[in-house]
Amino acid sequence: IRDLAALRWLHAGESVILYGPVGVGKSHIAQALGLLA
């Protein structure tokens, strides 16, 4: 997750998929990456 914070995926036009059980913080991480962008 911290590696994604470098935003190399953004500059390469790639996507990110965060998956797992309910409540583990997927939406938090998604919005945090969005704020970094």
Full PDB file with SEQRES, HELIX, SHEET, SSBOND, CRYST1, ORIGX, SCALE, CONECT and MASTER records, all heavy atoms in Angstrom:
SEQRES   1 A   37  ILE ARG ASP LEU ALA ALA LEU ARG TRP LEU HIS ALA GLY          
SEQRES   2 A   37  GLU SER VAL ILE LEU TYR GLY PRO VAL GLY VAL GLY LYS          
SEQRES   3 A   37  SER HIS ILE ALA GLN ALA LEU GLY LEU LEU ALA                  
HELIX    1 AA1 LEU A    4  ALA A    6  5                                   3    
HELIX    2 AA2 ARG A    8  HIS A   11  1                                   4    
HELIX    3 AA3 LYS A   26  LEU A   36  1                                  11    
CRYST1    1.000    1.000    1.000  90.00  90.00  90.00 P 1           1          
ORIGX1      1.000000  0.000000  0.000000        0.00000                         
ORIGX2      0.000000  1.000000  0.000000        0.00000                         
ORIGX3      0.000000  0.000000  1.000000        0.00000                         
SCALE1      1.000000  0.000000  0.000000        0.00000                         
SCALE2      0.000000  1.000000  0.000000        0.00000                         
SCALE3      0.000000  0.000000  1.000000        0.00000                         
ATOM      1  N   ILE A   1       0.831  -1.196   0.000  1.00  0.00           N  
ATOM      2  CA  ILE A   1       0.000   0.000   0.000  1.00  0.00           C  
ATOM      3  C   ILE A   1       0.873   1.256   0.000  1.00  0.00           C  
ATOM      4  O   ILE A   1       0.603   2.212  -0.732  1.00  0.00           O  
ATOM      5  CB  ILE A   1      -0.944  -0.003   1.218  1.00  0.00           C  
ATOM      6  CG1 ILE A   1      -1.980  -1.132   1.070  1.00  0.00           C  
ATOM      7  CG2 ILE A   1      -1.646   1.343   1.369  1.00  0.00           C  
ATOM      8  CD1 ILE A   1      -2.819  -1.364   2.308  1.00  0.00           C  
ATOM      9  N   ARG A   2       1.929   1.246   0.799  1.00  0.00           N  
ATOM     10  CA  ARG A   2       2.822   2.414   0.826  1.00  0.00           C  
ATOM     11  C   ARG A   2       3.534   2.587  -0.516  1.00  0.00           C  
ATOM     12  O   ARG A   2       3.837   3.713  -0.920  1.00  0.00           O  
ATOM     13  CB  ARG A   2       3.827   2.268   1.966  1.00  0.00           C  
ATOM     14  CG  ARG A   2       3.184   2.402   3.359  1.00  0.00           C  
ATOM     15  CD  ARG A   2       4.239   2.591   4.436  1.00  0.00           C  
ATOM     16  NE  ARG A   2       3.610   2.814   5.731  1.00  0.00           N  
ATOM     17  CZ  ARG A   2       3.477   1.887   6.687  1.00  0.00           C  
ATOM     18  NH1 ARG A   2       3.935   0.660   6.472  1.00  0.00           N  
ATOM     19  NH2 ARG A   2       2.900   2.162   7.842  1.00  0.00           N  
ATOM     20  N   ASP A   3       3.792   1.485  -1.205  1.00  0.00           N  
ATOM     21  CA  ASP A   3       4.406   1.587  -2.521  1.00  0.00           C  
ATOM     22  C   ASP A   3       3.455   2.272  -3.507  1.00  0.00           C  
ATOM     23  O   ASP A   3       3.892   3.038  -4.369  1.00  0.00           O  
ATOM     24  CB  ASP A   3       4.773   0.189  -3.031  1.00  0.00           C  
ATOM     25  CG  ASP A   3       5.535   0.243  -4.344  1.00  0.00           C  
ATOM     26  OD1 ASP A   3       6.624   0.837  -4.374  1.00  0.00           O  
ATOM     27  OD2 ASP A   3       5.037  -0.307  -5.344  1.00  0.00           O  
ATOM     28  N   LEU A   4       2.159   2.018  -3.361  1.00  0.00           N  
ATOM     29  CA  LEU A   4       1.178   2.670  -4.226  1.00  0.00           C  
ATOM     30  C   LEU A   4       1.149   4.176  -3.993  1.00  0.00           C  
ATOM     31  O   LEU A   4       0.753   4.939  -4.875  1.00  0.00           O  
ATOM     32  CB  LEU A   4      -0.219   2.090  -3.975  1.00  0.00           C  
ATOM     33  CG  LEU A   4      -0.443   0.642  -4.417  1.00  0.00           C  
ATOM     34  CD1 LEU A   4      -1.828   0.176  -3.994  1.00  0.00           C  
ATOM     35  CD2 LEU A   4      -0.281   0.489  -5.928  1.00  0.00           C  
ATOM     36  N   ALA A   5       1.566   4.595  -2.799  1.00  0.00           N  
ATOM     37  CA  ALA A   5       1.572   6.028  -2.480  1.00  0.00           C  
ATOM     38  C   ALA A   5       2.551   6.802  -3.348  1.00  0.00           C  
ATOM     39  O   ALA A   5       2.447   8.030  -3.463  1.00  0.00           O  
ATOM     40  CB  ALA A   5       1.908   6.231  -1.006  1.00  0.00           C  
ATOM     41  N   ALA A   6       3.481   6.110  -3.995  1.00  0.00           N  
ATOM     42  CA  ALA A   6       4.417   6.785  -4.902  1.00  0.00           C  
ATOM     43  C   ALA A   6       3.727   7.201  -6.196  1.00  0.00           C  
ATOM     44  O   ALA A   6       4.284   7.981  -6.975  1.00  0.00           O  
ATOM     45  CB  ALA A   6       5.602   5.871  -5.204  1.00  0.00           C  
ATOM     46  N   LEU A   7       2.537   6.661  -6.446  1.00  0.00           N  
ATOM     47  CA  LEU A   7       1.692   7.024  -7.594  1.00  0.00           C  
ATOM     48  C   LEU A   7       2.305   6.676  -8.951  1.00  0.00           C  
ATOM     49  O   LEU A   7       1.943   7.269  -9.966  1.00  0.00           O  
ATOM     50  CB  LEU A   7       1.323   8.518  -7.560  1.00  0.00           C  
ATOM     51  CG  LEU A   7       0.586   9.020  -6.324  1.00  0.00           C  
ATOM     52  CD1 LEU A   7       0.223  10.488  -6.507  1.00  0.00           C  
ATOM     53  CD2 LEU A   7      -0.663   8.195  -6.048  1.00  0.00           C  
ATOM     54  N   ARG A   8       3.190   5.693  -8.980  1.00  0.00           N  
ATOM     55  CA  ARG A   8       3.721   5.264 -10.282  1.00  0.00           C  
ATOM     56  C   ARG A   8       2.604   4.719 -11.174  1.00  0.00           C  
ATOM     57  O   ARG A   8       2.635   4.875 -12.387  1.00  0.00           O  
ATOM     58  CB  ARG A   8       4.823   4.217 -10.076  1.00  0.00           C  
ATOM     59  CG  ARG A   8       6.135   4.798  -9.541  1.00  0.00           C  
ATOM     60  CD  ARG A   8       7.208   3.733  -9.429  1.00  0.00           C  
ATOM     61  NE  ARG A   8       6.923   2.815  -8.328  1.00  0.00           N  
ATOM     62  CZ  ARG A   8       7.364   2.996  -7.082  1.00  0.00           C  
ATOM     63  NH1 ARG A   8       8.104   4.051  -6.785  1.00  0.00           N  
ATOM     64  NH2 ARG A   8       7.081   2.130  -6.129  1.00  0.00           N  
ATOM     65  N   TRP A   9       1.606   4.090 -10.544  1.00  0.00           N  
ATOM     66  CA  TRP A   9       0.465   3.547 -11.295  1.00  0.00           C  
ATOM     67  C   TRP A   9      -0.317   4.659 -11.987  1.00  0.00           C  
ATOM     68  O   TRP A   9      -0.819   4.486 -13.096  1.00  0.00           O  
ATOM     69  CB  TRP A   9      -0.456   2.765 -10.348  1.00  0.00           C  
ATOM     70  CG  TRP A   9      -0.876   3.562  -9.134  1.00  0.00           C  
ATOM     71  CD1 TRP A   9      -0.220   3.645  -7.950  1.00  0.00           C  
ATOM     72  CD2 TRP A   9      -2.021   4.419  -9.017  1.00  0.00           C  
ATOM     73  NE1 TRP A   9      -0.886   4.499  -7.087  1.00  0.00           N  
ATOM     74  CE2 TRP A   9      -1.989   4.980  -7.704  1.00  0.00           C  
ATOM     75  CE3 TRP A   9      -3.060   4.745  -9.870  1.00  0.00           C  
ATOM     76  CZ2 TRP A   9      -2.974   5.849  -7.253  1.00  0.00           C  
ATOM     77  CZ3 TRP A   9      -4.048   5.620  -9.422  1.00  0.00           C  
ATOM     78  CH2 TRP A   9      -3.991   6.159  -8.123  1.00  0.00           C  
ATOM     79  N   LEU A  10      -0.398   5.815 -11.341  1.00  0.00           N  
ATOM     80  CA  LEU A  10      -1.118   6.948 -11.929  1.00  0.00           C  
ATOM     81  C   LEU A  10      -0.396   7.456 -13.169  1.00  0.00           C  
ATOM     82  O   LEU A  10      -1.005   7.681 -14.221  1.00  0.00           O  
ATOM     83  CB  LEU A  10      -1.262   8.064 -10.889  1.00  0.00           C  
ATOM     84  CG  LEU A  10      -1.797   9.407 -11.393  1.00  0.00           C  
ATOM     85  CD1 LEU A  10      -3.199   9.251 -11.963  1.00  0.00           C  
ATOM     86  CD2 LEU A  10      -1.798  10.430 -10.264  1.00  0.00           C  
ATOM     87  N   HIS A  11       0.906   7.637 -13.066  1.00  0.00           N  
ATOM     88  CA  HIS A  11       1.674   8.168 -14.182  1.00  0.00           C  
ATOM     89  C   HIS A  11       1.742   7.172 -15.341  1.00  0.00           C  
ATOM     90  O   HIS A  11       1.939   7.574 -16.492  1.00  0.00           O  
ATOM     91  CB  HIS A  11       3.076   8.548 -13.704  1.00  0.00           C  
ATOM     92  CG  HIS A  11       3.066   9.538 -12.573  1.00  0.00           C  
ATOM     93  ND1 HIS A  11       2.416  10.752 -12.656  1.00  0.00           N  
ATOM     94  CD2 HIS A  11       3.590   9.477 -11.315  1.00  0.00           C  
ATOM     95  CE1 HIS A  11       2.562  11.408 -11.514  1.00  0.00           C  
ATOM     96  NE2 HIS A  11       3.265  10.656 -10.686  1.00  0.00           N  
ATOM     97  N   ALA A  12       1.545   5.874 -15.033  1.00  0.00           N  
ATOM     98  CA  ALA A  12       1.564   4.851 -16.074  1.00  0.00           C  
ATOM     99  C   ALA A  12       0.167   4.571 -16.631  1.00  0.00           C  
ATOM    100  O   ALA A  12       0.019   3.756 -17.540  1.00  0.00           O  
ATOM    101  CB  ALA A  12       2.170   3.560 -15.524  1.00  0.00           C  
ATOM    102  N   GLY A  13      -0.853   5.237 -16.091  1.00  0.00           N  
ATOM    103  CA  GLY A  13      -2.214   5.006 -16.546  1.00  0.00           C  
ATOM    104  C   GLY A  13      -2.756   3.649 -16.131  1.00  0.00           C  
ATOM    105  O   GLY A  13      -3.642   3.088 -16.788  1.00  0.00           O  
ATOM    106  N   GLU A  14      -2.235   3.117 -15.017  1.00  0.00           N  
ATOM    107  CA  GLU A  14      -2.680   1.811 -14.513  1.00  0.00           C  
ATOM    108  C   GLU A  14      -3.746   2.003 -13.433  1.00  0.00           C  
ATOM    109  O   GLU A  14      -4.002   3.116 -12.988  1.00  0.00           O  
ATOM    110  CB  GLU A  14      -1.485   1.038 -13.964  1.00  0.00           C  
ATOM    111  CG  GLU A  14      -0.429   0.742 -15.025  1.00  0.00           C  
ATOM    112  CD  GLU A  14       0.893   0.287 -14.436  1.00  0.00           C  
ATOM    113  OE1 GLU A  14       1.115   0.494 -13.222  1.00  0.00           O  
ATOM    114  OE2 GLU A  14       1.714  -0.242 -15.203  1.00  0.00           O  
ATOM    115  N   SER A  15      -4.352   0.891 -13.020  1.00  0.00           N  
ATOM    116  CA  SER A  15      -5.424   0.951 -12.032  1.00  0.00           C  
ATOM    117  C   SER A  15      -5.038   0.218 -10.761  1.00  0.00           C  
ATOM    118  O   SER A  15      -4.038  -0.500 -10.710  1.00  0.00           O  
ATOM    119  CB  SER A  15      -6.713   0.358 -12.616  1.00  0.00           C  
ATOM    120  OG  SER A  15      -7.164   1.147 -13.700  1.00  0.00           O  
ATOM    121  N   VAL A  16      -5.849   0.408  -9.726  1.00  0.00           N  
ATOM    122  CA  VAL A  16      -5.630  -0.223  -8.428  1.00  0.00           C  
ATOM    123  C   VAL A  16      -6.921  -0.910  -8.007  1.00  0.00           C  
ATOM    124  O   VAL A  16      -8.003  -0.325  -8.087  1.00  0.00           O  
ATOM    125  CB  VAL A  16      -5.224   0.821  -7.356  1.00  0.00           C  
ATOM    126  CG1 VAL A  16      -5.121   0.167  -5.980  1.00  0.00           C  
ATOM    127  CG2 VAL A  16      -3.913   1.497  -7.740  1.00  0.00           C  
ATOM    128  N   ILE A  17      -6.806  -2.152  -7.574  1.00  0.00           N  
ATOM    129  CA  ILE A  17      -7.951  -2.902  -7.067  1.00  0.00           C  
ATOM    130  C   ILE A  17      -7.681  -3.256  -5.616  1.00  0.00           C  
ATOM    131  O   ILE A  17      -6.694  -3.938  -5.305  1.00  0.00           O  
ATOM    132  CB  ILE A  17      -8.192  -4.185  -7.888  1.00  0.00           C  
ATOM    133  CG1 ILE A  17      -8.542  -3.837  -9.337  1.00  0.00           C  
ATOM    134  CG2 ILE A  17      -9.300  -5.022  -7.256  1.00  0.00           C  
ATOM    135  CD1 ILE A  17      -8.643  -5.054 -10.248  1.00  0.00           C  
ATOM    136  N   LEU A  18      -8.514  -2.767  -4.728  1.00  0.00           N  
ATOM    137  CA  LEU A  18      -8.430  -3.075  -3.293  1.00  0.00           C  
ATOM    138  C   LEU A  18      -9.595  -3.991  -2.959  1.00  0.00           C  
ATOM    139  O   LEU A  18     -10.750  -3.583  -3.075  1.00  0.00           O  
ATOM    140  CB  LEU A  18      -8.507  -1.794  -2.467  1.00  0.00           C  
ATOM    141  CG  LEU A  18      -7.520  -0.670  -2.837  1.00  0.00           C  
ATOM    142  CD1 LEU A  18      -7.886   0.621  -2.099  1.00  0.00           C  
ATOM    143  CD2 LEU A  18      -6.091  -1.075  -2.509  1.00  0.00           C  
ATOM    144  N   TYR A  19      -9.317  -5.212  -2.560  1.00  0.00           N  
ATOM    145  CA  TYR A  19     -10.413  -6.139  -2.281  1.00  0.00           C  
ATOM    146  C   TYR A  19     -10.162  -6.888  -0.974  1.00  0.00           C  
ATOM    147  O   TYR A  19      -9.028  -7.032  -0.520  1.00  0.00           O  
ATOM    148  CB  TYR A  19     -10.614  -7.117  -3.446  1.00  0.00           C  
ATOM    149  CG  TYR A  19      -9.512  -8.128  -3.640  1.00  0.00           C  
ATOM    150  CD1 TYR A  19      -9.639  -9.434  -3.144  1.00  0.00           C  
ATOM    151  CD2 TYR A  19      -8.336  -7.808  -4.325  1.00  0.00           C  
ATOM    152  CE1 TYR A  19      -8.635 -10.362  -3.333  1.00  0.00           C  
ATOM    153  CE2 TYR A  19      -7.337  -8.737  -4.509  1.00  0.00           C  
ATOM    154  CZ  TYR A  19      -7.483 -10.022  -4.010  1.00  0.00           C  
ATOM    155  OH  TYR A  19      -6.495 -10.957  -4.183  1.00  0.00           O  
ATOM    156  N   GLY A  20     -11.251  -7.334  -0.372  1.00  0.00           N  
ATOM    157  CA  GLY A  20     -11.163  -8.048   0.891  1.00  0.00           C  
ATOM    158  C   GLY A  20     -12.460  -7.915   1.669  1.00  0.00           C  
ATOM    159  O   GLY A  20     -13.434  -7.340   1.178  1.00  0.00           O  
ATOM    160  N   PRO A  21     -12.494  -8.421   2.893  1.00  0.00           N  
ATOM    161  CA  PRO A  21     -13.718  -8.420   3.695  1.00  0.00           C  
ATOM    162  C   PRO A  21     -14.217  -7.007   3.997  1.00  0.00           C  
ATOM    163  O   PRO A  21     -13.500  -6.017   3.836  1.00  0.00           O  
ATOM    164  CB  PRO A  21     -13.299  -9.133   4.992  1.00  0.00           C  
ATOM    165  CG  PRO A  21     -12.021  -9.826   4.676  1.00  0.00           C  
ATOM    166  CD  PRO A  21     -11.360  -9.047   3.593  1.00  0.00           C  
ATOM    167  N   VAL A  22     -15.436  -6.962   4.464  1.00  0.00           N  
ATOM    168  CA  VAL A  22     -16.044  -5.694   4.853  1.00  0.00           C  
ATOM    169  C   VAL A  22     -15.292  -5.092   6.043  1.00  0.00           C  
ATOM    170  O   VAL A  22     -14.891  -5.796   6.963  1.00  0.00           O  
ATOM    171  CB  VAL A  22     -17.530  -5.917   5.234  1.00  0.00           C  
ATOM    172  CG1 VAL A  22     -18.126  -4.659   5.864  1.00  0.00           C  
ATOM    173  CG2 VAL A  22     -18.328  -6.351   4.027  1.00  0.00           C  
ATOM    174  N   GLY A  23     -15.082  -3.787   5.989  1.00  0.00           N  
ATOM    175  CA  GLY A  23     -14.600  -3.070   7.164  1.00  0.00           C  
ATOM    176  C   GLY A  23     -13.111  -3.012   7.382  1.00  0.00           C  
ATOM    177  O   GLY A  23     -12.659  -2.507   8.408  1.00  0.00           O  
ATOM    178  N   VAL A  24     -12.295  -3.498   6.431  1.00  0.00           N  
ATOM    179  CA  VAL A  24     -10.844  -3.516   6.668  1.00  0.00           C  
ATOM    180  C   VAL A  24     -10.156  -2.212   6.272  1.00  0.00           C  
ATOM    181  O   VAL A  24      -8.943  -2.076   6.445  1.00  0.00           O  
ATOM    182  CB  VAL A  24     -10.175  -4.704   5.931  1.00  0.00           C  
ATOM    183  CG1 VAL A  24     -10.609  -6.015   6.535  1.00  0.00           C  
ATOM    184  CG2 VAL A  24     -10.477  -4.655   4.446  1.00  0.00           C  
ATOM    185  N   GLY A  25     -10.918  -1.256   5.723  1.00  0.00           N  
ATOM    186  CA  GLY A  25     -10.344   0.050   5.401  1.00  0.00           C  
ATOM    187  C   GLY A  25     -10.082   0.281   3.928  1.00  0.00           C  
ATOM    188  O   GLY A  25      -9.301   1.176   3.564  1.00  0.00           O  
ATOM    189  N   LYS A  26     -10.748  -0.483   3.066  1.00  0.00           N  
ATOM    190  CA  LYS A  26     -10.520  -0.324   1.625  1.00  0.00           C  
ATOM    191  C   LYS A  26     -10.901   1.071   1.143  1.00  0.00           C  
ATOM    192  O   LYS A  26     -10.165   1.700   0.376  1.00  0.00           O  
ATOM    193  CB  LYS A  26     -11.335  -1.383   0.856  1.00  0.00           C  
ATOM    194  CG  LYS A  26     -10.971  -2.826   1.201  1.00  0.00           C  
ATOM    195  CD  LYS A  26     -11.698  -3.828   0.342  1.00  0.00           C  
ATOM    196  CE  LYS A  26     -13.204  -3.812   0.536  1.00  0.00           C  
ATOM    197  NZ  LYS A  26     -13.612  -4.241   1.883  1.00  0.00           N  
ATOM    198  N   SER A  27     -12.049   1.568   1.580  1.00  0.00           N  
ATOM    199  CA  SER A  27     -12.494   2.898   1.157  1.00  0.00           C  
ATOM    200  C   SER A  27     -11.564   3.983   1.674  1.00  0.00           C  
ATOM    201  O   SER A  27     -11.310   4.982   0.990  1.00  0.00           O  
ATOM    202  CB  SER A  27     -13.931   3.160   1.630  1.00  0.00           C  
ATOM    203  OG  SER A  27     -14.824   2.266   1.013  1.00  0.00           O  
ATOM    204  N   HIS A  28     -11.051   3.789   2.888  1.00  0.00           N  
ATOM    205  CA  HIS A  28     -10.111   4.757   3.461  1.00  0.00           C  
ATOM    206  C   HIS A  28      -8.855   4.837   2.584  1.00  0.00           C  
ATOM    207  O   HIS A  28      -8.416   5.942   2.212  1.00  0.00           O  
ATOM    208  CB  HIS A  28      -9.740   4.334   4.882  1.00  0.00           C  
ATOM    209  CG  HIS A  28      -8.796   5.280   5.571  1.00  0.00           C  
ATOM    210  ND1 HIS A  28      -9.132   5.956   6.724  1.00  0.00           N  
ATOM    211  CD2 HIS A  28      -7.517   5.677   5.264  1.00  0.00           C  
ATOM    212  CE1 HIS A  28      -8.113   6.724   7.091  1.00  0.00           C  
ATOM    213  NE2 HIS A  28      -7.115   6.557   6.218  1.00  0.00           N  
ATOM    214  N   ILE A  29      -8.285   3.680   2.260  1.00  0.00           N  
ATOM    215  CA  ILE A  29      -7.062   3.657   1.453  1.00  0.00           C  
ATOM    216  C   ILE A  29      -7.328   4.234   0.070  1.00  0.00           C  
ATOM    217  O   ILE A  29      -6.514   4.997  -0.478  1.00  0.00           O  
ATOM    218  CB  ILE A  29      -6.508   2.224   1.346  1.00  0.00           C  
ATOM    219  CG1 ILE A  29      -6.099   1.701   2.730  1.00  0.00           C  
ATOM    220  CG2 ILE A  29      -5.333   2.173   0.377  1.00  0.00           C  
ATOM    221  CD1 ILE A  29      -5.017   2.502   3.411  1.00  0.00           C  
ATOM    222  N   ALA A  30      -8.472   3.888  -0.529  1.00  0.00           N  
ATOM    223  CA  ALA A  30      -8.805   4.393  -1.868  1.00  0.00           C  
ATOM    224  C   ALA A  30      -8.861   5.917  -1.876  1.00  0.00           C  
ATOM    225  O   ALA A  30      -8.313   6.578  -2.768  1.00  0.00           O  
ATOM    226  CB  ALA A  30     -10.137   3.810  -2.330  1.00  0.00           C  
ATOM    227  N   GLN A  31      -9.531   6.491  -0.869  1.00  0.00           N  
ATOM    228  CA  GLN A  31      -9.654   7.943  -0.813  1.00  0.00           C  
ATOM    229  C   GLN A  31      -8.327   8.603  -0.449  1.00  0.00           C  
ATOM    230  O   GLN A  31      -8.025   9.713  -0.905  1.00  0.00           O  
ATOM    231  CB  GLN A  31     -10.752   8.326   0.177  1.00  0.00           C  
ATOM    232  CG  GLN A  31     -12.131   7.929  -0.340  1.00  0.00           C  
ATOM    233  CD  GLN A  31     -13.243   8.197   0.660  1.00  0.00           C  
ATOM    234  OE1 GLN A  31     -13.890   9.232   0.621  1.00  0.00           O  
ATOM    235  NE2 GLN A  31     -13.480   7.245   1.556  1.00  0.00           N  
ATOM    236  N   ALA A  32      -7.507   7.919   0.352  1.00  0.00           N  
ATOM    237  CA  ALA A  32      -6.186   8.453   0.683  1.00  0.00           C  
ATOM    238  C   ALA A  32      -5.307   8.510  -0.563  1.00  0.00           C  
ATOM    239  O   ALA A  32      -4.582   9.488  -0.788  1.00  0.00           O  
ATOM    240  CB  ALA A  32      -5.527   7.594   1.760  1.00  0.00           C  
ATOM    241  N   LEU A  33      -5.377   7.469  -1.404  1.00  0.00           N  
ATOM    242  CA  LEU A  33      -4.617   7.486  -2.658  1.00  0.00           C  
ATOM    243  C   LEU A  33      -5.151   8.586  -3.582  1.00  0.00           C  
ATOM    244  O   LEU A  33      -4.382   9.250  -4.283  1.00  0.00           O  
ATOM    245  CB  LEU A  33      -4.715   6.122  -3.347  1.00  0.00           C  
ATOM    246  CG  LEU A  33      -3.989   4.962  -2.657  1.00  0.00           C  
ATOM    247  CD1 LEU A  33      -4.281   3.654  -3.381  1.00  0.00           C  
ATOM    248  CD2 LEU A  33      -2.483   5.211  -2.598  1.00  0.00           C  
ATOM    249  N   GLY A  34      -6.464   8.776  -3.558  1.00  0.00           N  
ATOM    250  CA  GLY A  34      -7.053   9.844  -4.349  1.00  0.00           C  
ATOM    251  C   GLY A  34      -6.567  11.215  -3.904  1.00  0.00           C  
ATOM    252  O   GLY A  34      -6.276  12.088  -4.738  1.00  0.00           O  
ATOM    253  N   LEU A  35      -6.448  11.407  -2.607  1.00  0.00           N  
ATOM    254  CA  LEU A  35      -5.959  12.691  -2.088  1.00  0.00           C  
ATOM    255  C   LEU A  35      -4.499  12.915  -2.470  1.00  0.00           C  
ATOM    256  O   LEU A  35      -4.101  14.040  -2.809  1.00  0.00           O  
ATOM    257  CB  LEU A  35      -6.119  12.737  -0.564  1.00  0.00           C  
ATOM    258  CG  LEU A  35      -5.733  14.054   0.117  1.00  0.00           C  
ATOM    259  CD1 LEU A  35      -6.573  15.214  -0.416  1.00  0.00           C  
ATOM    260  CD2 LEU A  35      -5.888  13.940   1.637  1.00  0.00           C  
ATOM    261  N   LEU A  36      -3.704  11.854  -2.453  1.00  0.00           N  
ATOM    262  CA  LEU A  36      -2.311  11.978  -2.890  1.00  0.00           C  
ATOM    263  C   LEU A  36      -2.242  12.392  -4.360  1.00  0.00           C  
ATOM    264  O   LEU A  36      -1.398  13.210  -4.748  1.00  0.00           O  
ATOM    265  CB  LEU A  36      -1.576  10.650  -2.687  1.00  0.00           C  
ATOM    266  CG  LEU A  36      -1.229  10.272  -1.243  1.00  0.00           C  
ATOM    267  CD1 LEU A  36      -0.651   8.864  -1.196  1.00  0.00           C  
ATOM    268  CD2 LEU A  36      -0.252  11.266  -0.632  1.00  0.00           C  
ATOM    269  N   ALA A  37      -3.135  11.829  -5.176  1.00  0.00           N  
ATOM    270  CA  ALA A  37      -3.174  12.205  -6.593  1.00  0.00           C  
ATOM    271  C   ALA A  37      -3.552  13.673  -6.757  1.00  0.00           C  
ATOM    272  O   ALA A  37      -2.995  14.386  -7.603  1.00  0.00           O  
ATOM    273  CB  ALA A  37      -4.163  11.312  -7.339  1.00  0.00           C  
TER     274      ALA A  37                                                      
MASTER        0    0    0    3    0    0    0    6  273    1    0    3          
END                                                                             
